[in-house]
Amino acid sequence: MAEPGTTPTPAPAPDSAEPTPTVVVDGVHITYKVHGTKGGRGSATSALSRIVSRRAAPGVREVHAVKGVSFAAYKGEAIGLIGSNGSGKSTLLKAIAGLLPPTEGRVFTRGQPSLLGVNAALMADLTGERNVILGGLAMGMSREQVRTRYDDIVEFSGINEKGDFISLPMRTYSSGMGARLRFSIAAAKSHDVLLIDEALSTGDAKFQRRSQRRIAELREHAGTVFLVSHSNQSILETCDRAIWLESGTLRMDGPAEDVVAAYDEFTGKGKDAKKKS
């Protein structure tokens, strides 16, 4: 206790510089089976024989999509996932979202991750308006919150700039319009962890700039954003950190500029850029 007439010495503030982890991926392996058509379906007799003998069907192969990946993501980060086609990026996002259980290892997340992909589930036969309402409710917003944010969602998507498309069924939308509306719905609320899988690649340049600003806002509200994109420029403009997956393994994790430069060198794009300059 301070003596009378003296000013108490304030207690030291807690160390707020310690980063808060939002996602921890610990030695994750993901293996799944792919059912091909190689060898044809075969007869009912041969199928029954396989069931009795427990032999695998022809054309079924096992894919080891993610191989021992470990990393931690922190509050306020935007992380780009890069790598060749089939490197395990989308598979890893599904595991973080809780949609695909790891074969080995564990994934820990803070809050409920939200996965936004090009094929995010909206109802093709319902109007854009109904999809905004249902999509907002599916993300945990109340009906009042959806009503309050409805106009902003539609305006952000830009799908009404050339007509009253919001009142038309989603099946009448172009792929770009659908992707913009999906992102606009997902971005209408803050997320502890937002996973974006190529959902911005079909938007025009104007919408991509708007999306990048919104991602920055989401990060400021204590969120963590993962972005999968084939556009390394989008990764550089949106993310401060990048993770490079190749053939299911974690090849590099660090500042986005360094990781993208190493990936471009690996794919030959870096050499092409030097030749042009």
C-alpha atoms as a PDB file:
ATOM      1  CA  MET A   1       0.000   0.000   0.000  1.00  0.00           C
ATOM      2  CA  ALA A   2       1.314   3.477  -0.877  1.00  0.00           C
ATOM      3  CA  GLU A   3       2.029   5.973   1.910  1.00  0.00           C
ATOM      4  CA  PRO A   4      -0.360   8.975   2.286  1.00  0.00           C
ATOM      5  CA  GLY A   5       0.511  11.826  -0.062  1.00  0.00           C
ATOM      6  CA  THR A   6       2.452   9.647  -2.459  1.00  0.00           C
ATOM      7  CA  THR A   7       1.463   8.448  -5.910  1.00  0.00           C
ATOM      8  CA  PRO A   8       1.083   4.686  -6.111  1.00  0.00           C
ATOM      9  CA  THR A   9       3.424   2.983  -8.535  1.00  0.00           C
ATOM     10  CA  PRO A  10       1.289   1.406 -11.268  1.00  0.00           C
ATOM     11  CA  ALA A  11       1.526  -2.349 -11.606  1.00  0.00           C
ATOM     12  CA  PRO A  12       3.461  -3.465 -14.680  1.00  0.00           C
ATOM     13  CA  ALA A  13       1.166  -4.066 -17.654  1.00  0.00           C
ATOM     14  CA  PRO A  14       0.880  -7.636 -18.838  1.00  0.00           C
ATOM     15  CA  ASP A  15       3.012  -8.514 -21.824  1.00  0.00           C
ATOM     16  CA  SER A  16       0.560  -7.975 -24.695  1.00  0.00           C
ATOM     17  CA  ALA A  17       3.259  -8.495 -27.318  1.00  0.00           C
ATOM     18  CA  GLU A  18       3.022 -12.269 -26.958  1.00  0.00           C
ATOM     19  CA  PRO A  19       1.286 -13.507 -30.133  1.00  0.00           C
ATOM     20  CA  THR A  20      -1.916 -15.499 -29.715  1.00  0.00           C
ATOM     21  CA  PRO A  21      -1.998 -18.769 -31.683  1.00  0.00           C
ATOM     22  CA  THR A  22      -5.220 -19.375 -33.615  1.00  0.00           C
ATOM     23  CA  VAL A  23      -4.244 -22.512 -35.564  1.00  0.00           C
ATOM     24  CA  VAL A  24      -1.710 -25.194 -34.680  1.00  0.00           C
ATOM     25  CA  VAL A  25      -1.035 -27.950 -37.213  1.00  0.00           C
ATOM     26  CA  ASP A  26       0.993 -30.698 -35.550  1.00  0.00           C
ATOM     27  CA  GLY A  27       2.574 -33.405 -37.714  1.00  0.00           C
ATOM     28  CA  VAL A  28      -0.481 -33.756 -39.960  1.00  0.00           C
ATOM     29  CA  HIS A  29      -0.724 -36.530 -42.549  1.00  0.00           C
ATOM     30  CA  ILE A  30      -3.805 -36.855 -44.758  1.00  0.00           C
ATOM     31  CA  THR A  31      -4.392 -39.933 -46.878  1.00  0.00           C
ATOM     32  CA  TYR A  32      -7.499 -40.669 -48.921  1.00  0.00           C
ATOM     33  CA  LYS A  33      -8.653 -43.104 -51.582  1.00  0.00           C
ATOM     34  CA  VAL A  34      -9.430 -42.141 -55.169  1.00  0.00           C
ATOM     35  CA  HIS A  35     -11.906 -44.306 -57.049  1.00  0.00           C
ATOM     36  CA  GLY A  36     -11.034 -44.351 -60.735  1.00  0.00           C
ATOM     37  CA  THR A  37     -12.681 -46.076 -63.684  1.00  0.00           C
ATOM     38  CA  LYS A  38      -9.638 -48.053 -64.674  1.00  0.00           C
ATOM     39  CA  GLY A  39     -10.661 -51.605 -65.458  1.00  0.00           C
ATOM     40  CA  GLY A  40     -14.372 -50.766 -65.669  1.00  0.00           C
ATOM     41  CA  ARG A  41     -17.085 -51.575 -63.177  1.00  0.00           C
ATOM     42  CA  GLY A  42     -17.012 -55.323 -63.755  1.00  0.00           C
ATOM     43  CA  SER A  43     -19.843 -57.751 -63.194  1.00  0.00           C
ATOM     44  CA  ALA A  44     -21.986 -58.138 -60.095  1.00  0.00           C
ATOM     45  CA  THR A  45     -20.336 -61.496 -59.501  1.00  0.00           C
ATOM     46  CA  SER A  46     -16.839 -60.008 -59.462  1.00  0.00           C
ATOM     47  CA  ALA A  47     -18.002 -57.180 -57.194  1.00  0.00           C
ATOM     48  CA  LEU A  48     -19.505 -59.690 -54.753  1.00  0.00           C
ATOM     49  CA  SER A  49     -16.299 -61.693 -54.887  1.00  0.00           C
ATOM     50  CA  ARG A  50     -14.267 -58.598 -53.934  1.00  0.00           C
ATOM     51  CA  ILE A  51     -16.583 -57.870 -50.993  1.00  0.00           C
ATOM     52  CA  VAL A  52     -16.293 -61.427 -49.680  1.00  0.00           C
ATOM     53  CA  SER A  53     -12.524 -61.510 -50.133  1.00  0.00           C
ATOM     54  CA  ARG A  54     -12.125 -57.863 -49.049  1.00  0.00           C
ATOM     55  CA  ARG A  55      -9.995 -57.121 -52.073  1.00  0.00           C
ATOM     56  CA  ALA A  56      -9.785 -53.516 -53.281  1.00  0.00           C
ATOM     57  CA  ALA A  57     -11.790 -52.602 -56.371  1.00  0.00           C
ATOM     58  CA  PRO A  58      -9.817 -52.075 -59.590  1.00  0.00           C
ATOM     59  CA  GLY A  59      -8.810 -48.463 -60.145  1.00  0.00           C
ATOM     60  CA  VAL A  60      -8.792 -47.532 -56.443  1.00  0.00           C
ATOM     61  CA  ARG A  61      -5.571 -45.879 -55.357  1.00  0.00           C
ATOM     62  CA  GLU A  62      -4.413 -44.279 -52.150  1.00  0.00           C
ATOM     63  CA  VAL A  63      -3.207 -40.670 -52.215  1.00  0.00           C
ATOM     64  CA  HIS A  64      -0.924 -39.332 -49.478  1.00  0.00           C
ATOM     65  CA  ALA A  65      -1.925 -35.686 -49.953  1.00  0.00           C
ATOM     66  CA  VAL A  66      -0.329 -34.073 -46.870  1.00  0.00           C
ATOM     67  CA  LYS A  67       2.854 -35.462 -45.320  1.00  0.00           C
ATOM     68  CA  GLY A  68       3.842 -34.473 -41.790  1.00  0.00           C
ATOM     69  CA  VAL A  69       3.050 -30.757 -41.993  1.00  0.00           C
ATOM     70  CA  SER A  70       3.525 -28.655 -38.842  1.00  0.00           C
ATOM     71  CA  PHE A  71       3.163 -24.914 -38.245  1.00  0.00           C
ATOM     72  CA  ALA A  72       1.383 -22.374 -36.023  1.00  0.00           C
ATOM     73  CA  ALA A  73      -0.682 -19.389 -37.197  1.00  0.00           C
ATOM     74  CA  TYR A  74      -1.272 -16.330 -35.054  1.00  0.00           C
ATOM     75  CA  LYS A  75      -3.883 -13.685 -34.437  1.00  0.00           C
ATOM     76  CA  GLY A  76      -3.814 -10.924 -37.069  1.00  0.00           C
ATOM     77  CA  GLU A  77      -1.815 -12.853 -39.684  1.00  0.00           C
ATOM     78  CA  ALA A  78      -2.693 -13.270 -43.344  1.00  0.00           C
ATOM     79  CA  ILE A  79      -1.006 -16.413 -44.661  1.00  0.00           C
ATOM     80  CA  GLY A  80      -0.792 -17.412 -48.303  1.00  0.00           C
ATOM     81  CA  LEU A  81      -0.599 -21.078 -49.278  1.00  0.00           C
ATOM     82  CA  ILE A  82       1.293 -21.638 -52.502  1.00  0.00           C
ATOM     83  CA  GLY A  83       2.481 -24.674 -54.421  1.00  0.00           C
ATOM     84  CA  SER A  84       1.982 -26.646 -57.603  1.00  0.00           C
ATOM     85  CA  ASN A  85      -1.350 -28.225 -58.521  1.00  0.00           C
ATOM     86  CA  GLY A  86      -1.956 -31.252 -56.325  1.00  0.00           C
ATOM     87  CA  SER A  87       0.492 -30.109 -53.649  1.00  0.00           C
ATOM     88  CA  GLY A  88      -2.083 -30.466 -50.841  1.00  0.00           C
ATOM     89  CA  LYS A  89      -3.129 -26.833 -50.298  1.00  0.00           C
ATOM     90  CA  SER A  90      -6.906 -27.299 -50.522  1.00  0.00           C
ATOM     91  CA  THR A  91      -6.712 -30.583 -48.612  1.00  0.00           C
ATOM     92  CA  LEU A  92      -4.875 -28.849 -45.769  1.00  0.00           C
ATOM     93  CA  LEU A  93      -7.488 -26.067 -45.652  1.00  0.00           C
ATOM     94  CA  LYS A  94     -10.252 -28.662 -45.339  1.00  0.00           C
ATOM     95  CA  ALA A  95      -8.401 -30.268 -42.439  1.00  0.00           C
ATOM     96  CA  ILE A  96      -8.059 -26.908 -40.657  1.00  0.00           C
ATOM     97  CA  ALA A  97     -11.777 -26.266 -41.254  1.00  0.00           C
ATOM     98  CA  GLY A  98     -12.584 -29.615 -39.638  1.00  0.00           C
ATOM     99  CA  LEU A  99     -14.049 -31.061 -42.834  1.00  0.00           C
ATOM    100  CA  LEU A 100     -11.333 -33.662 -43.361  1.00  0.00           C
ATOM    101  CA  PRO A 101      -9.875 -35.507 -40.364  1.00  0.00           C
ATOM    102  CA  PRO A 102      -6.104 -36.059 -40.414  1.00  0.00           C
ATOM    103  CA  THR A 103      -4.907 -39.643 -40.847  1.00  0.00           C
ATOM    104  CA  GLU A 104      -2.100 -38.818 -38.414  1.00  0.00           C
ATOM    105  CA  GLY A 105      -1.293 -35.757 -36.325  1.00  0.00           C
ATOM    106  CA  ARG A 106      -3.615 -33.109 -34.940  1.00  0.00           C
ATOM    107  CA  VAL A 107      -5.102 -29.717 -35.797  1.00  0.00           C
ATOM    108  CA  PHE A 108      -5.993 -27.230 -33.053  1.00  0.00           C
ATOM    109  CA  THR A 109      -8.040 -24.110 -33.828  1.00  0.00           C
ATOM    110  CA  ARG A 110      -9.312 -21.144 -31.850  1.00  0.00           C
ATOM    111  CA  GLY A 111     -13.023 -20.706 -32.511  1.00  0.00           C
ATOM    112  CA  GLN A 112     -14.805 -22.116 -35.544  1.00  0.00           C
ATOM    113  CA  PRO A 113     -12.862 -21.773 -38.812  1.00  0.00           C
ATOM    114  CA  SER A 114     -14.870 -20.724 -41.876  1.00  0.00           C
ATOM    115  CA  LEU A 115     -13.912 -22.172 -45.260  1.00  0.00           C
ATOM    116  CA  LEU A 116     -14.773 -20.087 -48.310  1.00  0.00           C
ATOM    117  CA  GLY A 117     -14.160 -21.763 -51.662  1.00  0.00           C
ATOM    118  CA  VAL A 118     -15.225 -21.266 -55.253  1.00  0.00           C
ATOM    119  CA  ASN A 119     -17.723 -24.073 -54.746  1.00  0.00           C
ATOM    120  CA  ALA A 120     -18.953 -22.915 -51.346  1.00  0.00           C
ATOM    121  CA  ALA A 121     -22.461 -24.231 -50.862  1.00  0.00           C
ATOM    122  CA  LEU A 122     -25.118 -21.796 -52.018  1.00  0.00           C
ATOM    123  CA  MET A 123     -28.432 -22.945 -53.467  1.00  0.00           C
ATOM    124  CA  ALA A 124     -28.397 -22.626 -57.259  1.00  0.00           C
ATOM    125  CA  ASP A 125     -32.205 -22.559 -57.611  1.00  0.00           C
ATOM    126  CA  LEU A 126     -32.704 -19.866 -54.974  1.00  0.00           C
ATOM    127  CA  THR A 127     -32.308 -16.155 -55.631  1.00  0.00           C
ATOM    128  CA  GLY A 128     -29.213 -14.272 -54.589  1.00  0.00           C
ATOM    129  CA  GLU A 129     -31.340 -12.522 -51.961  1.00  0.00           C
ATOM    130  CA  ARG A 130     -32.388 -15.814 -50.344  1.00  0.00           C
ATOM    131  CA  ASN A 131     -28.809 -17.074 -50.477  1.00  0.00           C
ATOM    132  CA  VAL A 132     -27.576 -13.966 -48.648  1.00  0.00           C
ATOM    133  CA  ILE A 133     -30.082 -14.634 -45.876  1.00  0.00           C
ATOM    134  CA  LEU A 134     -29.383 -18.372 -45.638  1.00  0.00           C
ATOM    135  CA  GLY A 135     -25.613 -17.888 -45.941  1.00  0.00           C
ATOM    136  CA  GLY A 136     -25.617 -15.315 -43.147  1.00  0.00           C
ATOM    137  CA  LEU A 137     -27.665 -17.572 -40.884  1.00  0.00           C
ATOM    138  CA  ALA A 138     -25.362 -20.517 -41.670  1.00  0.00           C
ATOM    139  CA  MET A 139     -22.389 -18.436 -40.470  1.00  0.00           C
ATOM    140  CA  GLY A 140     -24.097 -17.802 -37.144  1.00  0.00           C
ATOM    141  CA  MET A 141     -25.542 -14.342 -37.734  1.00  0.00           C
ATOM    142  CA  SER A 142     -28.979 -13.582 -36.335  1.00  0.00           C
ATOM    143  CA  ARG A 143     -31.834 -12.613 -38.669  1.00  0.00           C
ATOM    144  CA  GLU A 144     -31.557  -9.046 -37.406  1.00  0.00           C
ATOM    145  CA  GLN A 145     -27.823  -8.976 -38.200  1.00  0.00           C
ATOM    146  CA  VAL A 146     -28.483 -10.323 -41.693  1.00  0.00           C
ATOM    147  CA  ARG A 147     -31.163  -7.665 -42.293  1.00  0.00           C
ATOM    148  CA  THR A 148     -28.837  -4.927 -41.027  1.00  0.00           C
ATOM    149  CA  ARG A 149     -25.935  -6.011 -43.249  1.00  0.00           C
ATOM    150  CA  TYR A 150     -27.920  -7.105 -46.308  1.00  0.00           C
ATOM    151  CA  ASP A 151     -27.533  -3.896 -48.339  1.00  0.00           C
ATOM    152  CA  ASP A 152     -23.802  -3.729 -47.604  1.00  0.00           C
ATOM    153  CA  ILE A 153     -23.342  -7.361 -48.703  1.00  0.00           C
ATOM    154  CA  VAL A 154     -25.105  -6.761 -52.024  1.00  0.00           C
ATOM    155  CA  GLU A 155     -23.262  -3.488 -52.621  1.00  0.00           C
ATOM    156  CA  PHE A 156     -19.897  -5.049 -51.795  1.00  0.00           C
ATOM    157  CA  SER A 157     -20.487  -7.934 -54.234  1.00  0.00           C
ATOM    158  CA  GLY A 158     -21.246  -5.523 -57.086  1.00  0.00           C
ATOM    159  CA  ILE A 159     -23.593  -8.025 -58.734  1.00  0.00           C
ATOM    160  CA  ASN A 160     -26.364  -5.410 -59.087  1.00  0.00           C
ATOM    161  CA  GLU A 161     -24.176  -2.926 -60.939  1.00  0.00           C
ATOM    162  CA  LYS A 162     -25.545  -4.122 -64.310  1.00  0.00           C
ATOM    163  CA  GLY A 163     -29.080  -5.053 -63.342  1.00  0.00           C
ATOM    164  CA  ASP A 164     -31.212  -6.500 -60.573  1.00  0.00           C
ATOM    165  CA  PHE A 165     -29.347  -9.820 -60.431  1.00  0.00           C
ATOM    166  CA  ILE A 166     -29.856 -10.262 -56.689  1.00  0.00           C
ATOM    167  CA  SER A 167     -33.492 -11.187 -57.378  1.00  0.00           C
ATOM    168  CA  LEU A 168     -32.521 -13.871 -59.939  1.00  0.00           C
ATOM    169  CA  PRO A 169     -31.643 -17.525 -59.204  1.00  0.00           C
ATOM    170  CA  MET A 170     -27.965 -18.206 -58.540  1.00  0.00           C
ATOM    171  CA  ARG A 171     -27.857 -20.606 -61.503  1.00  0.00           C
ATOM    172  CA  THR A 172     -28.165 -17.567 -63.800  1.00  0.00           C
ATOM    173  CA  TYR A 173     -24.957 -16.033 -62.371  1.00  0.00           C
ATOM    174  CA  SER A 174     -21.550 -16.226 -63.992  1.00  0.00           C
ATOM    175  CA  SER A 175     -18.799 -17.945 -61.992  1.00  0.00           C
ATOM    176  CA  GLY A 176     -17.364 -14.524 -61.144  1.00  0.00           C
ATOM    177  CA  MET A 177     -20.688 -13.199 -59.849  1.00  0.00           C
ATOM    178  CA  GLY A 178     -21.186 -16.298 -57.713  1.00  0.00           C
ATOM    179  CA  ALA A 179     -17.671 -16.041 -56.252  1.00  0.00           C
ATOM    180  CA  ARG A 180     -18.145 -12.347 -55.438  1.00  0.00           C
ATOM    181  CA  LEU A 181     -21.420 -12.997 -53.642  1.00  0.00           C
ATOM    182  CA  ARG A 182     -19.914 -15.895 -51.655  1.00  0.00           C
ATOM    183  CA  PHE A 183     -17.013 -13.770 -50.490  1.00  0.00           C
ATOM    184  CA  SER A 184     -19.294 -10.837 -49.671  1.00  0.00           C
ATOM    185  CA  ILE A 185     -21.466 -13.040 -47.451  1.00  0.00           C
ATOM    186  CA  ALA A 186     -18.463 -14.568 -45.685  1.00  0.00           C
ATOM    187  CA  ALA A 187     -16.796 -11.180 -45.199  1.00  0.00           C
ATOM    188  CA  ALA A 188     -19.917  -9.660 -43.620  1.00  0.00           C
ATOM    189  CA  LYS A 189     -18.815 -10.860 -40.188  1.00  0.00           C
ATOM    190  CA  SER A 190     -15.522 -11.228 -38.393  1.00  0.00           C
ATOM    191  CA  HIS A 191     -13.959 -14.678 -38.124  1.00  0.00           C
ATOM    192  CA  ASP A 192     -11.413 -16.141 -35.772  1.00  0.00           C
ATOM    193  CA  VAL A 193     -10.055 -18.054 -38.770  1.00  0.00           C
ATOM    194  CA  LEU A 194     -11.136 -17.435 -42.389  1.00  0.00           C
ATOM    195  CA  LEU A 195      -9.923 -19.896 -45.036  1.00  0.00           C
ATOM    196  CA  ILE A 196     -10.183 -18.666 -48.636  1.00  0.00           C
ATOM    197  CA  ASP A 197      -9.616 -21.246 -51.382  1.00  0.00           C
ATOM    198  CA  GLU A 198      -9.342 -19.611 -54.816  1.00  0.00           C
ATOM    199  CA  ALA A 199     -12.587 -17.727 -54.155  1.00  0.00           C
ATOM    200  CA  LEU A 200     -11.060 -14.413 -55.259  1.00  0.00           C
ATOM    201  CA  SER A 201      -9.488 -15.626 -58.495  1.00  0.00           C
ATOM    202  CA  THR A 202     -12.658 -15.183 -60.578  1.00  0.00           C
ATOM    203  CA  GLY A 203     -13.349 -11.603 -59.489  1.00  0.00           C
ATOM    204  CA  ASP A 204     -12.325  -8.573 -61.555  1.00  0.00           C
ATOM    205  CA  ALA A 205      -9.500  -6.247 -60.513  1.00  0.00           C
ATOM    206  CA  LYS A 206     -11.867  -3.787 -58.833  1.00  0.00           C
ATOM    207  CA  PHE A 207     -13.424  -6.513 -56.674  1.00  0.00           C
ATOM    208  CA  GLN A 208     -10.040  -8.002 -55.811  1.00  0.00           C
ATOM    209  CA  ARG A 209      -8.881  -4.614 -54.484  1.00  0.00           C
ATOM    210  CA  ARG A 210     -12.060  -4.353 -52.428  1.00  0.00           C
ATOM    211  CA  SER A 211     -11.495  -7.888 -51.123  1.00  0.00           C
ATOM    212  CA  GLN A 212      -7.924  -7.143 -50.130  1.00  0.00           C
ATOM    213  CA  ARG A 213      -9.082  -4.134 -48.112  1.00  0.00           C
ATOM    214  CA  ARG A 214     -11.743  -6.263 -46.424  1.00  0.00           C
ATOM    215  CA  ILE A 215      -9.190  -8.968 -45.568  1.00  0.00           C
ATOM    216  CA  ALA A 216      -7.037  -6.277 -43.942  1.00  0.00           C
ATOM    217  CA  GLU A 217     -10.062  -5.217 -41.865  1.00  0.00           C
ATOM    218  CA  LEU A 218     -10.736  -8.816 -40.825  1.00  0.00           C
ATOM    219  CA  ARG A 219      -7.148  -9.124 -39.610  1.00  0.00           C
ATOM    220  CA  GLU A 220      -7.489  -5.925 -37.572  1.00  0.00           C
ATOM    221  CA  HIS A 221     -10.492  -7.479 -35.817  1.00  0.00           C
ATOM    222  CA  ALA A 222      -8.316 -10.250 -34.377  1.00  0.00           C
ATOM    223  CA  GLY A 223      -8.806 -12.694 -37.220  1.00  0.00           C
ATOM    224  CA  THR A 224      -6.403 -14.964 -39.069  1.00  0.00           C
ATOM    225  CA  VAL A 225      -6.794 -15.346 -42.828  1.00  0.00           C
ATOM    226  CA  PHE A 226      -5.478 -18.192 -45.002  1.00  0.00           C
ATOM    227  CA  LEU A 227      -5.491 -17.584 -48.754  1.00  0.00           C
ATOM    228  CA  VAL A 228      -4.937 -20.196 -51.468  1.00  0.00           C
ATOM    229  CA  SER A 229      -4.373 -18.593 -54.849  1.00  0.00           C
ATOM    230  CA  HIS A 230      -2.606 -19.428 -58.101  1.00  0.00           C
ATOM    231  CA  SER A 231      -1.830 -15.712 -58.365  1.00  0.00           C
ATOM    232  CA  ASN A 232       1.392 -15.048 -56.498  1.00  0.00           C
ATOM    233  CA  GLN A 233       0.740 -11.339 -56.978  1.00  0.00           C
ATOM    234  CA  SER A 234      -2.461 -11.683 -54.922  1.00  0.00           C
ATOM    235  CA  ILE A 235      -0.464 -13.462 -52.228  1.00  0.00           C
ATOM    236  CA  LEU A 236       2.110 -10.658 -52.144  1.00  0.00           C
ATOM    237  CA  GLU A 237      -0.549  -7.935 -52.040  1.00  0.00           C
ATOM    238  CA  THR A 238      -2.692  -9.624 -49.380  1.00  0.00           C
ATOM    239  CA  CYS A 239      -0.399 -11.702 -47.158  1.00  0.00           C
ATOM    240  CA  ASP A 240       2.612 -10.962 -44.990  1.00  0.00           C
ATOM    241  CA  ARG A 241       3.522 -14.650 -44.592  1.00  0.00           C
ATOM    242  CA  ALA A 242       3.463 -17.583 -46.984  1.00  0.00           C
ATOM    243  CA  ILE A 243       3.651 -21.363 -46.665  1.00  0.00           C
ATOM    244  CA  TRP A 244       4.897 -23.363 -49.639  1.00  0.00           C
ATOM    245  CA  LEU A 245       3.645 -26.921 -49.994  1.00  0.00           C
ATOM    246  CA  GLU A 246       5.117 -29.241 -52.605  1.00  0.00           C
ATOM    247  CA  SER A 247       4.005 -32.855 -53.072  1.00  0.00           C
ATOM    248  CA  GLY A 248       2.310 -32.697 -49.678  1.00  0.00           C
ATOM    249  CA  THR A 249       5.367 -31.564 -47.719  1.00  0.00           C
ATOM    250  CA  LEU A 250       6.089 -28.163 -46.197  1.00  0.00           C
ATOM    251  CA  ARG A 251       8.889 -26.786 -48.351  1.00  0.00           C
ATOM    252  CA  MET A 252       9.201 -23.280 -46.846  1.00  0.00           C
ATOM    253  CA  ASP A 253       7.472 -21.018 -44.309  1.00  0.00           C
ATOM    254  CA  GLY A 254       8.378 -17.343 -43.904  1.00  0.00           C
ATOM    255  CA  PRO A 255       7.851 -13.791 -45.167  1.00  0.00           C
ATOM    256  CA  ALA A 256       5.635 -13.814 -48.271  1.00  0.00           C
ATOM    257  CA  GLU A 257       8.215 -12.065 -50.467  1.00  0.00           C
ATOM    258  CA  ASP A 258      10.937 -14.598 -49.620  1.00  0.00           C
ATOM    259  CA  VAL A 259       8.721 -17.655 -50.046  1.00  0.00           C
ATOM    260  CA  VAL A 260       7.181 -16.473 -53.341  1.00  0.00           C
ATOM    261  CA  ALA A 261      10.653 -15.636 -54.700  1.00  0.00           C
ATOM    262  CA  ALA A 262      11.921 -19.126 -53.799  1.00  0.00           C
ATOM    263  CA  TYR A 263       8.847 -20.737 -55.362  1.00  0.00           C
ATOM    264  CA  ASP A 264       9.245 -18.692 -58.553  1.00  0.00           C
ATOM    265  CA  GLU A 265      12.880 -19.785 -58.733  1.00  0.00           C
ATOM    266  CA  PHE A 266      11.808 -23.408 -58.285  1.00  0.00           C
ATOM    267  CA  THR A 267       9.200 -23.203 -61.054  1.00  0.00           C
ATOM    268  CA  GLY A 268      11.412 -21.185 -63.408  1.00  0.00           C
ATOM    269  CA  LYS A 269       9.292 -18.039 -63.242  1.00  0.00           C
ATOM    270  CA  GLY A 270      12.052 -16.182 -61.456  1.00  0.00           C
ATOM    271  CA  LYS A 271      14.509 -16.921 -64.267  1.00  0.00           C
ATOM    272  CA  ASP A 272      11.948 -15.767 -66.862  1.00  0.00           C
ATOM    273  CA  ALA A 273      11.463 -12.500 -64.987  1.00  0.00           C
ATOM    274  CA  LYS A 274      15.244 -11.886 -64.939  1.00  0.00           C
ATOM    275  CA  LYS A 275      15.479 -12.513 -68.701  1.00  0.00           C
ATOM    276  CA  LYS A 276      12.682  -9.991 -69.432  1.00  0.00           C
ATOM    277  CA  SER A 277      14.380  -7.369 -67.295  1.00  0.00           C
END
